[in-house]
């Protein structure tokens, strides 16, 4: 269970970082 929670947390962190990295690119395209 703990490992699954850590994996989910890591995935959420990676997703948030991915979105943050996309935002500036989208602003540049807009």
C-alpha atoms as a PDB file:
ATOM      1  CA  UNK A   1       0.000   0.000   0.000  1.00  0.00           C
ATOM      2  CA  UNK A   2       2.758   2.426   0.922  1.00  0.00           C
ATOM      3  CA  UNK A   3       4.590   1.711  -2.324  1.00  0.00           C
ATOM      4  CA  UNK A   4       1.397   2.301  -4.301  1.00  0.00           C
ATOM      5  CA  UNK A   5       0.821   5.594  -2.502  1.00  0.00           C
ATOM      6  CA  UNK A   6       4.381   6.664  -3.241  1.00  0.00           C
ATOM      7  CA  UNK A   7       3.965   5.715  -6.906  1.00  0.00           C
ATOM      8  CA  UNK A   8       0.729   7.706  -7.115  1.00  0.00           C
ATOM      9  CA  UNK A   9       2.406  10.672  -5.454  1.00  0.00           C
ATOM     10  CA  UNK A  10       5.331  10.478  -7.866  1.00  0.00           C
ATOM     11  CA  UNK A  11       2.939  10.303 -10.820  1.00  0.00           C
ATOM     12  CA  UNK A  12       1.005  13.328  -9.535  1.00  0.00           C
ATOM     13  CA  UNK A  13       4.243  15.267  -9.077  1.00  0.00           C
ATOM     14  CA  UNK A  14       5.441  14.346 -12.557  1.00  0.00           C
ATOM     15  CA  UNK A  15       2.064  15.334 -14.020  1.00  0.00           C
ATOM     16  CA  UNK A  16       2.125  18.717 -12.285  1.00  0.00           C
ATOM     17  CA  UNK A  17       5.690  19.345 -13.459  1.00  0.00           C
ATOM     18  CA  UNK A  18       4.684  18.317 -16.981  1.00  0.00           C
ATOM     19  CA  UNK A  19       1.795  20.801 -16.975  1.00  0.00           C
ATOM     20  CA  UNK A  20       4.027  23.525 -15.565  1.00  0.00           C
ATOM     21  CA  UNK A  21       6.555  22.908 -18.340  1.00  0.00           C
ATOM     22  CA  UNK A  22       3.773  23.066 -20.949  1.00  0.00           C
ATOM     23  CA  UNK A  23       2.274  26.336 -19.711  1.00  0.00           C
ATOM     24  CA  UNK A  24       5.155  28.607 -20.859  1.00  0.00           C
ATOM     25  CA  UNK A  25       5.216  26.886 -24.248  1.00  0.00           C
ATOM     26  CA  UNK A  26       1.469  27.395 -24.678  1.00  0.00           C
ATOM     27  CA  UNK A  27       1.830  31.054 -23.711  1.00  0.00           C
ATOM     28  CA  UNK A  28       4.608  31.459 -26.287  1.00  0.00           C
ATOM     29  CA  UNK A  29       2.438  29.852 -28.972  1.00  0.00           C
ATOM     30  CA  UNK A  30      -0.534  32.053 -28.048  1.00  0.00           C
END
